[in-house]
Amino acid sequence: MTVQVFLKTPLFRGKYGADRSAELTATIIELHGEAIARDGGLELNVSSLYDNKGRPIDAPFSQLFLPMGKIDYYVIVDA
């Protein structure tokens, strides 16, 4: 299903990855993409990210697991 996800709190800003060479520098609060419901959250194939002012941010990753505790709500755009 295609979803628009709104987070309770922004994604962690900082370095990540196996060698910590990638870095998230923006305040991400909204994500769009194809989601699969998994135990405890959503597995999201990210198509776009937005900051706290609604500006698009280049997605530094293509796939993400969002725990339900992190999600405020999500809108199902296409089932």
PDB file of N, CA and C in Angstrom:
ATOM      1  N   MET A   1       0.838  -1.176   0.000  1.00  0.00           N
ATOM      2  CA  MET A   1       0.000   0.000   0.000  1.00  0.00           C
ATOM      3  C   MET A   1       0.886   1.243   0.000  1.00  0.00           C
ATOM      4  N   THR A   2       0.442   2.265  -0.679  1.00  0.00           N
ATOM      5  CA  THR A   2       1.164   3.536  -0.714  1.00  0.00           C
ATOM      6  C   THR A   2       0.677   4.386   0.454  1.00  0.00           C
ATOM      7  N   VAL A   3       1.613   4.925   1.233  1.00  0.00           N
ATOM      8  CA  VAL A   3       1.250   5.679   2.440  1.00  0.00           C
ATOM      9  C   VAL A   3       2.006   7.000   2.526  1.00  0.00           C
ATOM     10  N   GLN A   4       1.429   7.875   3.316  1.00  0.00           N
ATOM     11  CA  GLN A   4       2.035   9.142   3.714  1.00  0.00           C
ATOM     12  C   GLN A   4       2.114   9.057   5.237  1.00  0.00           C
ATOM     13  N   VAL A   5       3.330   9.009   5.789  1.00  0.00           N
ATOM     14  CA  VAL A   5       3.537   8.772   7.214  1.00  0.00           C
ATOM     15  C   VAL A   5       3.949  10.059   7.910  1.00  0.00           C
ATOM     16  N   PHE A   6       3.288  10.363   9.022  1.00  0.00           N
ATOM     17  CA  PHE A   6       3.632  11.516   9.852  1.00  0.00           C
ATOM     18  C   PHE A   6       4.190  10.995  11.179  1.00  0.00           C
ATOM     19  N   LEU A   7       5.367  11.479  11.554  1.00  0.00           N
ATOM     20  CA  LEU A   7       6.054  10.981  12.740  1.00  0.00           C
ATOM     21  C   LEU A   7       5.737  11.814  13.971  1.00  0.00           C
ATOM     22  N   LYS A   8       5.786  11.176  15.143  1.00  0.00           N
ATOM     23  CA  LYS A   8       5.626  11.892  16.419  1.00  0.00           C
ATOM     24  C   LYS A   8       6.832  12.789  16.674  1.00  0.00           C
ATOM     25  N   THR A   9       7.994  12.253  16.381  1.00  0.00           N
ATOM     26  CA  THR A   9       9.245  12.988  16.554  1.00  0.00           C
ATOM     27  C   THR A   9      10.093  12.768  15.303  1.00  0.00           C
ATOM     28  N   PRO A  10      10.953  13.712  14.950  1.00  0.00           N
ATOM     29  CA  PRO A  10      11.770  13.558  13.738  1.00  0.00           C
ATOM     30  C   PRO A  10      12.695  12.348  13.809  1.00  0.00           C
ATOM     31  N   LEU A  11      13.137  11.908  12.636  1.00  0.00           N
ATOM     32  CA  LEU A  11      14.137  10.851  12.577  1.00  0.00           C
ATOM     33  C   LEU A  11      15.432  11.351  13.207  1.00  0.00           C
ATOM     34  N   PHE A  12      16.213  10.436  13.740  1.00  0.00           N
ATOM     35  CA  PHE A  12      17.505  10.770  14.344  1.00  0.00           C
ATOM     36  C   PHE A  12      18.406  11.436  13.313  1.00  0.00           C
ATOM     37  N   ARG A  13      18.945  12.572  13.662  1.00  0.00           N
ATOM     38  CA  ARG A  13      19.887  13.274  12.790  1.00  0.00           C
ATOM     39  C   ARG A  13      21.291  12.885  13.199  1.00  0.00           C
ATOM     40  N   GLY A  14      22.046  12.392  12.264  1.00  0.00           N
ATOM     41  CA  GLY A  14      23.410  11.998  12.559  1.00  0.00           C
ATOM     42  C   GLY A  14      23.896  10.957  11.576  1.00  0.00           C
ATOM     43  N   LYS A  15      25.045  10.392  11.875  1.00  0.00           N
ATOM     44  CA  LYS A  15      25.671   9.404  10.988  1.00  0.00           C
ATOM     45  C   LYS A  15      25.082   8.025  11.233  1.00  0.00           C
ATOM     46  N   TYR A  16      24.989   7.244  10.157  1.00  0.00           N
ATOM     47  CA  TYR A  16      24.450   5.891  10.261  1.00  0.00           C
ATOM     48  C   TYR A  16      25.101   5.026   9.197  1.00  0.00           C
ATOM     49  N   GLY A  17      24.786   3.754   9.220  1.00  0.00           N
ATOM     50  CA  GLY A  17      25.339   2.793   8.272  1.00  0.00           C
ATOM     51  C   GLY A  17      26.448   1.988   8.912  1.00  0.00           C
ATOM     52  N   ALA A  18      26.838   0.930   8.249  1.00  0.00           N
ATOM     53  CA  ALA A  18      27.860   0.027   8.785  1.00  0.00           C
ATOM     54  C   ALA A  18      29.164   0.752   9.099  1.00  0.00           C
ATOM     55  N   ASP A  19      29.583   1.650   8.230  1.00  0.00           N
ATOM     56  CA  ASP A  19      30.829   2.387   8.459  1.00  0.00           C
ATOM     57  C   ASP A  19      30.574   3.834   8.911  1.00  0.00           C
ATOM     58  N   ARG A  20      29.303   4.155   9.181  1.00  0.00           N
ATOM     59  CA  ARG A  20      28.880   5.484   9.653  1.00  0.00           C
ATOM     60  C   ARG A  20      29.308   6.600   8.707  1.00  0.00           C
ATOM     61  N   SER A  21      29.320   6.296   7.401  1.00  0.00           N
ATOM     62  CA  SER A  21      29.726   7.288   6.413  1.00  0.00           C
ATOM     63  C   SER A  21      28.548   8.106   5.882  1.00  0.00           C
ATOM     64  N   ALA A  22      27.322   7.613   6.039  1.00  0.00           N
ATOM     65  CA  ALA A  22      26.142   8.358   5.602  1.00  0.00           C
ATOM     66  C   ALA A  22      25.643   9.212   6.759  1.00  0.00           C
ATOM     67  N   GLU A  23      25.059  10.355   6.426  1.00  0.00           N
ATOM     68  CA  GLU A  23      24.599  11.247   7.485  1.00  0.00           C
ATOM     69  C   GLU A  23      23.257  11.867   7.107  1.00  0.00           C
ATOM     70  N   LEU A  24      22.343  11.896   8.065  1.00  0.00           N
ATOM     71  CA  LEU A  24      21.059  12.561   7.906  1.00  0.00           C
ATOM     72  C   LEU A  24      21.179  13.904   8.611  1.00  0.00           C
ATOM     73  N   THR A  25      21.067  14.989   7.850  1.00  0.00           N
ATOM     74  CA  THR A  25      21.271  16.322   8.423  1.00  0.00           C
ATOM     75  C   THR A  25      19.984  17.129   8.522  1.00  0.00           C
ATOM     76  N   ALA A  26      18.901  16.656   7.910  1.00  0.00           N
ATOM     77  CA  ALA A  26      17.634  17.394   7.922  1.00  0.00           C
ATOM     78  C   ALA A  26      16.696  16.844   8.996  1.00  0.00           C
ATOM     79  N   THR A  27      15.715  17.644   9.369  1.00  0.00           N
ATOM     80  CA  THR A  27      14.701  17.249  10.340  1.00  0.00           C
ATOM     81  C   THR A  27      13.543  16.610   9.586  1.00  0.00           C
ATOM     82  N   ILE A  28      13.545  15.274   9.490  1.00  0.00           N
ATOM     83  CA  ILE A  28      12.529  14.543   8.726  1.00  0.00           C
ATOM     84  C   ILE A  28      11.333  14.235   9.613  1.00  0.00           C
ATOM     85  N   ILE A  29      10.150  14.670   9.180  1.00  0.00           N
ATOM     86  CA  ILE A  29       8.936  14.452   9.954  1.00  0.00           C
ATOM     87  C   ILE A  29       7.823  13.780   9.145  1.00  0.00           C
ATOM     88  N   GLU A  30       8.001  13.721   7.807  1.00  0.00           N
ATOM     89  CA  GLU A  30       6.997  13.113   6.927  1.00  0.00           C
ATOM     90  C   GLU A  30       7.702  12.250   5.877  1.00  0.00           C
ATOM     91  N   LEU A  31       7.162  11.056   5.651  1.00  0.00           N
ATOM     92  CA  LEU A  31       7.731  10.128   4.681  1.00  0.00           C
ATOM     93  C   LEU A  31       6.627   9.618   3.771  1.00  0.00           C
ATOM     94  N   HIS A  32       6.959   9.371   2.503  1.00  0.00           N
ATOM     95  CA  HIS A  32       6.022   8.801   1.544  1.00  0.00           C
ATOM     96  C   HIS A  32       6.651   7.551   0.960  1.00  0.00           C
ATOM     97  N   GLY A  33       5.823   6.569   0.631  1.00  0.00           N
ATOM     98  CA  GLY A  33       6.349   5.379  -0.011  1.00  0.00           C
ATOM     99  C   GLY A  33       5.402   4.203   0.051  1.00  0.00           C
ATOM    100  N   GLU A  34       5.922   3.058  -0.391  1.00  0.00           N
ATOM    101  CA  GLU A  34       5.191   1.793  -0.375  1.00  0.00           C
ATOM    102  C   GLU A  34       5.470   1.109   0.958  1.00  0.00           C
ATOM    103  N   ALA A  35       4.417   0.770   1.692  1.00  0.00           N
ATOM    104  CA  ALA A  35       4.581   0.188   3.025  1.00  0.00           C
ATOM    105  C   ALA A  35       4.036  -1.229   3.087  1.00  0.00           C
ATOM    106  N   ILE A  36       4.702  -2.024   3.919  1.00  0.00           N
ATOM    107  CA  ILE A  36       4.248  -3.367   4.267  1.00  0.00           C
ATOM    108  C   ILE A  36       4.151  -3.398   5.787  1.00  0.00           C
ATOM    109  N   ALA A  37       2.986  -3.796   6.300  1.00  0.00           N
ATOM    110  CA  ALA A  37       2.814  -3.893   7.749  1.00  0.00           C
ATOM    111  C   ALA A  37       3.614  -5.081   8.259  1.00  0.00           C
ATOM    112  N   ARG A  38       4.469  -4.856   9.244  1.00  0.00           N
ATOM    113  CA  ARG A  38       5.269  -5.893   9.896  1.00  0.00           C
ATOM    114  C   ARG A  38       4.956  -5.860  11.393  1.00  0.00           C
ATOM    115  N   ASP A  39       5.342  -6.918  12.103  1.00  0.00           N
ATOM    116  CA  ASP A  39       5.159  -6.913  13.550  1.00  0.00           C
ATOM    117  C   ASP A  39       5.860  -5.694  14.140  1.00  0.00           C
ATOM    118  N   GLY A  40       5.110  -4.847  14.804  1.00  0.00           N
ATOM    119  CA  GLY A  40       5.687  -3.708  15.498  1.00  0.00           C
ATOM    120  C   GLY A  40       5.882  -2.449  14.685  1.00  0.00           C
ATOM    121  N   GLY A  41       5.522  -2.460  13.394  1.00  0.00           N
ATOM    122  CA  GLY A  41       5.711  -1.243  12.615  1.00  0.00           C
ATOM    123  C   GLY A  41       5.473  -1.408  11.135  1.00  0.00           C
ATOM    124  N   LEU A  42       6.031  -0.473  10.372  1.00  0.00           N
ATOM    125  CA  LEU A  42       5.906  -0.477   8.922  1.00  0.00           C
ATOM    126  C   LEU A  42       7.275  -0.578   8.274  1.00  0.00           C
ATOM    127  N   GLU A  43       7.381  -1.447   7.280  1.00  0.00           N
ATOM    128  CA  GLU A  43       8.568  -1.482   6.441  1.00  0.00           C
ATOM    129  C   GLU A  43       8.237  -0.592   5.246  1.00  0.00           C
ATOM    130  N   LEU A  44       9.038   0.425   5.020  1.00  0.00           N
ATOM    131  CA  LEU A  44       8.722   1.438   4.022  1.00  0.00           C
ATOM    132  C   LEU A  44       9.788   1.512   2.940  1.00  0.00           C
ATOM    133  N   ASN A  45       9.367   1.366   1.678  1.00  0.00           N
ATOM    134  CA  ASN A  45      10.222   1.661   0.537  1.00  0.00           C
ATOM    135  C   ASN A  45      10.031   3.146   0.266  1.00  0.00           C
ATOM    136  N   VAL A  46      10.998   3.940   0.629  1.00  0.00           N
ATOM    137  CA  VAL A  46      10.892   5.399   0.638  1.00  0.00           C
ATOM    138  C   VAL A  46      10.893   5.963  -0.776  1.00  0.00           C
ATOM    139  N   SER A  47       9.890   6.802  -1.064  1.00  0.00           N
ATOM    140  CA  SER A  47       9.865   7.511  -2.341  1.00  0.00           C
ATOM    141  C   SER A  47      10.201   8.981  -2.143  1.00  0.00           C
ATOM    142  N   SER A  48       9.830   9.550  -0.982  1.00  0.00           N
ATOM    143  CA  SER A  48      10.178  10.947  -0.690  1.00  0.00           C
ATOM    144  C   SER A  48      10.120  11.220   0.803  1.00  0.00           C
ATOM    145  N   LEU A  49      10.886  12.228   1.211  1.00  0.00           N
ATOM    146  CA  LEU A  49      10.955  12.671   2.604  1.00  0.00           C
ATOM    147  C   LEU A  49      10.686  14.172   2.645  1.00  0.00           C
ATOM    148  N   TYR A  50      10.142  14.639   3.772  1.00  0.00           N
ATOM    149  CA  TYR A  50       9.857  16.061   3.930  1.00  0.00           C
ATOM    150  C   TYR A  50      10.281  16.518   5.318  1.00  0.00           C
ATOM    151  N   ASP A  51      10.762  17.749   5.398  1.00  0.00           N
ATOM    152  CA  ASP A  51      11.185  18.289   6.689  1.00  0.00           C
ATOM    153  C   ASP A  51       9.991  18.881   7.430  1.00  0.00           C
ATOM    154  N   ASN A  52      10.269  19.495   8.567  1.00  0.00           N
ATOM    155  CA  ASN A  52       9.209  20.034   9.415  1.00  0.00           C
ATOM    156  C   ASN A  52       8.501  21.246   8.806  1.00  0.00           C
ATOM    157  N   LYS A  53       9.014  21.778   7.696  1.00  0.00           N
ATOM    158  CA  LYS A  53       8.365  22.895   7.011  1.00  0.00           C
ATOM    159  C   LYS A  53       7.725  22.450   5.698  1.00  0.00           C
ATOM    160  N   GLY A  54       7.692  21.135   5.461  1.00  0.00           N
ATOM    161  CA  GLY A  54       7.067  20.601   4.262  1.00  0.00           C
ATOM    162  C   GLY A  54       7.932  20.641   3.014  1.00  0.00           C
ATOM    163  N   ARG A  55       9.205  20.948   3.170  1.00  0.00           N
ATOM    164  CA  ARG A  55      10.125  20.986   2.026  1.00  0.00           C
ATOM    165  C   ARG A  55      10.641  19.584   1.739  1.00  0.00           C
ATOM    166  N   PRO A  56      10.732  19.217   0.445  1.00  0.00           N
ATOM    167  CA  PRO A  56      11.259  17.892   0.108  1.00  0.00           C
ATOM    168  C   PRO A  56      12.751  17.788   0.416  1.00  0.00           C
ATOM    169  N   ILE A  57      13.158  16.618   0.886  1.00  0.00           N
ATOM    170  CA  ILE A  57      14.547  16.333   1.229  1.00  0.00           C
ATOM    171  C   ILE A  57      14.984  15.125   0.408  1.00  0.00           C
ATOM    172  N   ASP A  58      16.181  15.167  -0.147  1.00  0.00           N
ATOM    173  CA  ASP A  58      16.704  14.009  -0.868  1.00  0.00           C
ATOM    174  C   ASP A  58      16.823  12.837   0.098  1.00  0.00           C
ATOM    175  N   ALA A  59      16.232  11.724  -0.275  1.00  0.00           N
ATOM    176  CA  ALA A  59      16.256  10.536   0.582  1.00  0.00           C
ATOM    177  C   ALA A  59      17.632   9.878   0.536  1.00  0.00           C
ATOM    178  N   PRO A  60      18.336   9.830   1.667  1.00  0.00           N
ATOM    179  CA  PRO A  60      19.653   9.191   1.694  1.00  0.00           C
ATOM    180  C   PRO A  60      19.567   7.671   1.807  1.00  0.00           C
ATOM    181  N   PHE A  61      18.362   7.133   1.939  1.00  0.00           N
ATOM    182  CA  PHE A  61      18.158   5.690   2.034  1.00  0.00           C
ATOM    183  C   PHE A  61      16.887   5.346   1.262  1.00  0.00           C
ATOM    184  N   SER A  62      16.786   4.096   0.846  1.00  0.00           N
ATOM    185  CA  SER A  62      15.633   3.690   0.046  1.00  0.00           C
ATOM    186  C   SER A  62      14.641   2.822   0.821  1.00  0.00           C
ATOM    187  N   GLN A  63      15.083   2.244   1.922  1.00  0.00           N
ATOM    188  CA  GLN A  63      14.219   1.376   2.705  1.00  0.00           C
ATOM    189  C   GLN A  63      14.425   1.651   4.184  1.00  0.00           C
ATOM    190  N   LEU A  64      13.322   1.589   4.946  1.00  0.00           N
ATOM    191  CA  LEU A  64      13.366   1.961   6.354  1.00  0.00           C
ATOM    192  C   LEU A  64      12.292   1.188   7.111  1.00  0.00           C
ATOM    193  N   PHE A  65      12.590   0.787   8.349  1.00  0.00           N
ATOM    194  CA  PHE A  65      11.583   0.205   9.235  1.00  0.00           C
ATOM    195  C   PHE A  65      11.213   1.269  10.250  1.00  0.00           C
ATOM    196  N   LEU A  66       9.927   1.570  10.342  1.00  0.00           N
ATOM    197  CA  LEU A  66       9.436   2.549  11.312  1.00  0.00           C
ATOM    198  C   LEU A  66       8.636   1.831  12.391  1.00  0.00           C
ATOM    199  N   PRO A  67       9.103   1.842  13.645  1.00  0.00           N
ATOM    200  CA  PRO A  67       8.326   1.231  14.723  1.00  0.00           C
ATOM    201  C   PRO A  67       7.028   2.017  14.944  1.00  0.00           C
ATOM    202  N   MET A  68       5.962   1.341  15.329  1.00  0.00           N
ATOM    203  CA  MET A  68       4.671   2.005  15.531  1.00  0.00           C
ATOM    204  C   MET A  68       4.761   3.117  16.577  1.00  0.00           C
ATOM    205  N   GLY A  69       5.640   2.975  17.561  1.00  0.00           N
ATOM    206  CA  GLY A  69       5.797   4.004  18.577  1.00  0.00           C
ATOM    207  C   GLY A  69       6.336   5.314  18.023  1.00  0.00           C
ATOM    208  N   LYS A  70       6.953   5.285  16.865  1.00  0.00           N
ATOM    209  CA  LYS A  70       7.517   6.478  16.218  1.00  0.00           C
ATOM    210  C   LYS A  70       6.483   7.191  15.353  1.00  0.00           C
ATOM    211  N   ILE A  71       5.448   6.448  14.930  1.00  0.00           N
ATOM    212  CA  ILE A  71       4.455   6.965  13.988  1.00  0.00           C
ATOM    213  C   ILE A  71       3.294   7.615  14.721  1.00  0.00           C
ATOM    214  N   ASP A  72       2.981   8.864  14.331  1.00  0.00           N
ATOM    215  CA  ASP A  72       1.788   9.528  14.859  1.00  0.00           C
ATOM    216  C   ASP A  72       0.572   8.938  14.145  1.00  0.00           C
ATOM    217  N   TYR A  73       0.592   9.012  12.817  1.00  0.00           N
ATOM    218  CA  TYR A  73      -0.422   8.366  12.003  1.00  0.00           C
ATOM    219  C   TYR A  73       0.066   8.275  10.576  1.00  0.00           C
ATOM    220  N   TYR A  74      -0.639   7.454   9.772  1.00  0.00           N
ATOM    221  CA  TYR A  74      -0.310   7.401   8.357  1.00  0.00           C
ATOM    222  C   TYR A  74      -1.590   7.371   7.541  1.00  0.00           C
ATOM    223  N   VAL A  75      -1.519   8.001   6.384  1.00  0.00           N
ATOM    224  CA  VAL A  75      -2.643   8.076   5.453  1.00  0.00           C
ATOM    225  C   VAL A  75      -2.403   7.044   4.369  1.00  0.00           C
ATOM    226  N   ILE A  76      -3.380   6.200   4.119  1.00  0.00           N
ATOM    227  CA  ILE A  76      -3.279   5.219   3.043  1.00  0.00           C
ATOM    228  C   ILE A  76      -3.717   5.923   1.767  1.00  0.00           C
ATOM    229  N   VAL A  77      -2.757   6.132   0.874  1.00  0.00           N
ATOM    230  CA  VAL A  77      -3.022   6.849  -0.372  1.00  0.00           C
ATOM    231  C   VAL A  77      -3.598   5.903  -1.408  1.00  0.00           C
ATOM    232  N   ASP A  78      -3.068   4.680  -1.462  1.00  0.00           N
ATOM    233  CA  ASP A  78      -3.507   3.678  -2.424  1.00  0.00           C
ATOM    234  C   ASP A  78      -3.306   2.306  -1.807  1.00  0.00           C
ATOM    235  N   ALA A  79      -4.388   1.545  -1.723  1.00  0.00           N
ATOM    236  CA  ALA A  79      -4.290   0.235  -1.060  1.00  0.00           C
ATOM    237  C   ALA A  79      -3.800  -0.843  -1.962  1.00  0.00           C
TER     238      ALA A  79
END
